[in-house]
Amino acid sequence: MVQPQSIVQIADNSGAKIGRVFKVLGSSKKRYASIGELVVFSVQKAEPRKAVKKKDVLYGLVVRQRAPFRRKDGTYIRFDENAVVVLDDAKKEPLAGRIFGPVPREIGEKGYQKIISLAPEVV
């Protein structure tokens, strides 16, 4: 579960490295984001000479979470870190051209086929 004030790793080559979530999208009362849900975060640490800078406010899609995530078949999956992929504000497409680390197949089921095609491993 990712909630406001959570520190997340950025799982793409957009230039951001670490972000801090400050809003979970979906409802005014929504407290937690799970895999496949949108968050708004600010960049805390970024690489030099890239498009994304420190303090930028961006949209992100949660692709990995530390809390166990229940799948439809009843099994659970969990990862070692909370990670997001930076999305373009208008199109909700990934901003970067590469994605690092595994991505769960639920991302594709939620309509983000581009992220599935860029991911090196789908679990």
C-alpha atoms as a PDB file:
ATOM      1  CA  MET A   1       0.000   0.000   0.000  1.00  0.00           C
ATOM      2  CA  VAL A   2       1.301   3.391  -0.968  1.00  0.00           C
ATOM      3  CA  GLN A   3      -0.129   6.339   0.921  1.00  0.00           C
ATOM      4  CA  PRO A   4       0.630  10.066   1.130  1.00  0.00           C
ATOM      5  CA  GLN A   5       4.175  10.733   2.403  1.00  0.00           C
ATOM      6  CA  SER A   6       5.388   7.327   1.131  1.00  0.00           C
ATOM      7  CA  ILE A   7       8.839   7.314  -0.451  1.00  0.00           C
ATOM      8  CA  VAL A   8       8.815   5.495  -3.810  1.00  0.00           C
ATOM      9  CA  GLN A   9      11.524   4.398  -6.229  1.00  0.00           C
ATOM     10  CA  ILE A  10      11.117   5.458  -9.860  1.00  0.00           C
ATOM     11  CA  ALA A  11      11.226   2.386 -12.120  1.00  0.00           C
ATOM     12  CA  ASP A  12      12.051   4.069 -15.444  1.00  0.00           C
ATOM     13  CA  ASN A  13      14.703   6.202 -17.159  1.00  0.00           C
ATOM     14  CA  SER A  14      12.827   9.518 -17.009  1.00  0.00           C
ATOM     15  CA  GLY A  15      15.547  11.029 -14.818  1.00  0.00           C
ATOM     16  CA  ALA A  16      13.769  10.876 -11.462  1.00  0.00           C
ATOM     17  CA  LYS A  17      15.196   8.448  -8.913  1.00  0.00           C
ATOM     18  CA  ILE A  18      13.170   8.897  -5.713  1.00  0.00           C
ATOM     19  CA  GLY A  19       9.765  10.498  -5.166  1.00  0.00           C
ATOM     20  CA  ARG A  20       7.398  11.309  -2.312  1.00  0.00           C
ATOM     21  CA  VAL A  21       3.690  10.618  -2.826  1.00  0.00           C
ATOM     22  CA  PHE A  22       1.366  13.407  -1.744  1.00  0.00           C
ATOM     23  CA  LYS A  23      -1.966  12.386  -3.303  1.00  0.00           C
ATOM     24  CA  VAL A  24      -3.680   9.124  -4.158  1.00  0.00           C
ATOM     25  CA  LEU A  25      -6.009   9.592  -7.126  1.00  0.00           C
ATOM     26  CA  GLY A  26      -9.438   8.004  -7.396  1.00  0.00           C
ATOM     27  CA  SER A  27     -11.550   9.579  -4.668  1.00  0.00           C
ATOM     28  CA  SER A  28     -11.325  12.360  -2.131  1.00  0.00           C
ATOM     29  CA  LYS A  29     -11.402   9.813   0.694  1.00  0.00           C
ATOM     30  CA  LYS A  30      -9.028   7.260  -0.865  1.00  0.00           C
ATOM     31  CA  ARG A  31      -6.174   6.619   1.560  1.00  0.00           C
ATOM     32  CA  TYR A  32      -4.025   3.955  -0.108  1.00  0.00           C
ATOM     33  CA  ALA A  33      -2.906   3.138  -3.627  1.00  0.00           C
ATOM     34  CA  SER A  34      -2.264  -0.429  -4.684  1.00  0.00           C
ATOM     35  CA  ILE A  35      -0.699  -1.945  -7.812  1.00  0.00           C
ATOM     36  CA  GLY A  36      -2.166  -0.398 -10.962  1.00  0.00           C
ATOM     37  CA  GLU A  37      -3.455   2.796  -9.316  1.00  0.00           C
ATOM     38  CA  LEU A  38      -2.452   6.405  -9.956  1.00  0.00           C
ATOM     39  CA  VAL A  39      -0.655   8.718  -7.534  1.00  0.00           C
ATOM     40  CA  VAL A  40       0.696  12.261  -7.661  1.00  0.00           C
ATOM     41  CA  PHE A  41       4.248  12.632  -6.370  1.00  0.00           C
ATOM     42  CA  SER A  42       7.079  15.131  -6.198  1.00  0.00           C
ATOM     43  CA  VAL A  43      10.618  14.280  -7.260  1.00  0.00           C
ATOM     44  CA  GLN A  44      12.998  14.169  -4.289  1.00  0.00           C
ATOM     45  CA  LYS A  45      16.134  13.017  -6.118  1.00  0.00           C
ATOM     46  CA  ALA A  46      16.866  13.232  -9.853  1.00  0.00           C
ATOM     47  CA  GLU A  47      19.695  12.585 -12.289  1.00  0.00           C
ATOM     48  CA  PRO A  48      21.435  15.614 -13.780  1.00  0.00           C
ATOM     49  CA  ARG A  49      20.826  16.643 -17.407  1.00  0.00           C
ATOM     50  CA  LYS A  50      17.490  14.838 -17.749  1.00  0.00           C
ATOM     51  CA  ALA A  51      13.991  16.099 -18.553  1.00  0.00           C
ATOM     52  CA  VAL A  52      12.658  15.513 -15.032  1.00  0.00           C
ATOM     53  CA  LYS A  53      14.090  17.793 -12.331  1.00  0.00           C
ATOM     54  CA  LYS A  54      13.998  17.806  -8.544  1.00  0.00           C
ATOM     55  CA  LYS A  55      10.758  19.286  -7.095  1.00  0.00           C
ATOM     56  CA  ASP A  56       8.753  18.478 -10.259  1.00  0.00           C
ATOM     57  CA  VAL A  57       5.189  17.289  -9.596  1.00  0.00           C
ATOM     58  CA  LEU A  58       4.281  14.262 -11.717  1.00  0.00           C
ATOM     59  CA  TYR A  59       1.707  11.507 -12.144  1.00  0.00           C
ATOM     60  CA  GLY A  60       2.804   7.949 -11.468  1.00  0.00           C
ATOM     61  CA  LEU A  61       1.439   4.428 -11.753  1.00  0.00           C
ATOM     62  CA  VAL A  62       2.229   2.054  -8.883  1.00  0.00           C
ATOM     63  CA  VAL A  63       3.972  -1.015 -10.371  1.00  0.00           C
ATOM     64  CA  ARG A  64       5.482  -2.587  -7.223  1.00  0.00           C
ATOM     65  CA  GLN A  65       4.501  -2.480  -3.556  1.00  0.00           C
ATOM     66  CA  ARG A  66       5.940  -3.981  -0.400  1.00  0.00           C
ATOM     67  CA  ALA A  67       2.572  -4.949   1.070  1.00  0.00           C
ATOM     68  CA  PRO A  68       1.208  -8.314  -0.133  1.00  0.00           C
ATOM     69  CA  PHE A  69      -1.144  -7.865  -3.106  1.00  0.00           C
ATOM     70  CA  ARG A  70      -3.933 -10.428  -3.522  1.00  0.00           C
ATOM     71  CA  ARG A  71      -4.475 -11.728  -7.037  1.00  0.00           C
ATOM     72  CA  LYS A  72      -7.783 -12.993  -8.419  1.00  0.00           C
ATOM     73  CA  ASP A  73      -6.665 -16.629  -8.159  1.00  0.00           C
ATOM     74  CA  GLY A  74      -6.113 -16.207  -4.413  1.00  0.00           C
ATOM     75  CA  THR A  75      -2.314 -16.069  -4.416  1.00  0.00           C
ATOM     76  CA  TYR A  76      -0.354 -13.140  -3.037  1.00  0.00           C
ATOM     77  CA  ILE A  77       2.543 -11.275  -4.598  1.00  0.00           C
ATOM     78  CA  ARG A  78       4.868  -8.815  -2.900  1.00  0.00           C
ATOM     79  CA  PHE A  79       8.008  -6.936  -3.911  1.00  0.00           C
ATOM     80  CA  ASP A  80      11.060  -5.560  -2.115  1.00  0.00           C
ATOM     81  CA  GLU A  81      10.220  -1.906  -2.783  1.00  0.00           C
ATOM     82  CA  ASN A  82       7.463   0.557  -3.582  1.00  0.00           C
ATOM     83  CA  ALA A  83       7.983   1.689  -7.177  1.00  0.00           C
ATOM     84  CA  VAL A  84       6.139   3.871  -9.694  1.00  0.00           C
ATOM     85  CA  VAL A  85       6.431   4.587 -13.413  1.00  0.00           C
ATOM     86  CA  VAL A  86       6.216   8.258 -14.430  1.00  0.00           C
ATOM     87  CA  LEU A  87       3.222   8.967 -16.686  1.00  0.00           C
ATOM     88  CA  ASP A  88       2.502  11.799 -19.104  1.00  0.00           C
ATOM     89  CA  ASP A  89      -0.163  14.105 -17.622  1.00  0.00           C
ATOM     90  CA  ALA A  90      -2.565  14.156 -20.570  1.00  0.00           C
ATOM     91  CA  LYS A  91      -2.228  10.764 -22.265  1.00  0.00           C
ATOM     92  CA  LYS A  92      -1.456   8.565 -19.238  1.00  0.00           C
ATOM     93  CA  GLU A  93       1.346   6.957 -21.257  1.00  0.00           C
ATOM     94  CA  PRO A  94       4.836   6.340 -19.824  1.00  0.00           C
ATOM     95  CA  LEU A  95       7.135   9.360 -20.064  1.00  0.00           C
ATOM     96  CA  ALA A  96      10.280   7.236 -20.410  1.00  0.00           C
ATOM     97  CA  GLY A  97      11.426   4.715 -22.981  1.00  0.00           C
ATOM     98  CA  ARG A  98      12.667   2.014 -20.588  1.00  0.00           C
ATOM     99  CA  ILE A  99      11.306   0.393 -17.449  1.00  0.00           C
ATOM    100  CA  PHE A 100      13.488  -1.301 -14.839  1.00  0.00           C
ATOM    101  CA  GLY A 101      12.537  -4.344 -12.795  1.00  0.00           C
ATOM    102  CA  PRO A 102       9.599  -6.741 -12.882  1.00  0.00           C
ATOM    103  CA  VAL A 103       6.015  -5.600 -13.430  1.00  0.00           C
ATOM    104  CA  PRO A 104       2.909  -7.601 -12.399  1.00  0.00           C
ATOM    105  CA  ARG A 105       0.489  -8.718 -15.111  1.00  0.00           C
ATOM    106  CA  GLU A 106      -2.355  -6.792 -13.423  1.00  0.00           C
ATOM    107  CA  ILE A 107      -0.896  -3.614 -14.972  1.00  0.00           C
ATOM    108  CA  GLY A 108      -1.830  -4.913 -18.433  1.00  0.00           C
ATOM    109  CA  GLU A 109      -5.295  -5.916 -17.269  1.00  0.00           C
ATOM    110  CA  LYS A 110      -5.898  -2.327 -16.147  1.00  0.00           C
ATOM    111  CA  GLY A 111      -5.174  -1.040 -19.669  1.00  0.00           C
ATOM    112  CA  TYR A 112      -1.495  -0.053 -19.521  1.00  0.00           C
ATOM    113  CA  GLN A 113      -0.256  -2.262 -22.384  1.00  0.00           C
ATOM    114  CA  LYS A 114       2.624   0.089 -23.228  1.00  0.00           C
ATOM    115  CA  ILE A 115       4.156  -0.450 -19.775  1.00  0.00           C
ATOM    116  CA  ILE A 116       3.859  -4.231 -20.164  1.00  0.00           C
ATOM    117  CA  SER A 117       5.631  -4.087 -23.533  1.00  0.00           C
ATOM    118  CA  LEU A 118       8.489  -1.978 -22.124  1.00  0.00           C
ATOM    119  CA  ALA A 119       8.993  -4.094 -18.980  1.00  0.00           C
ATOM    120  CA  PRO A 120      11.870  -6.595 -18.988  1.00  0.00           C
ATOM    121  CA  GLU A 121       9.867  -9.133 -16.954  1.00  0.00           C
ATOM    122  CA  VAL A 122       6.160  -9.649 -16.282  1.00  0.00           C
ATOM    123  CA  VAL A 123       5.283 -11.709 -13.194  1.00  0.00           C
END
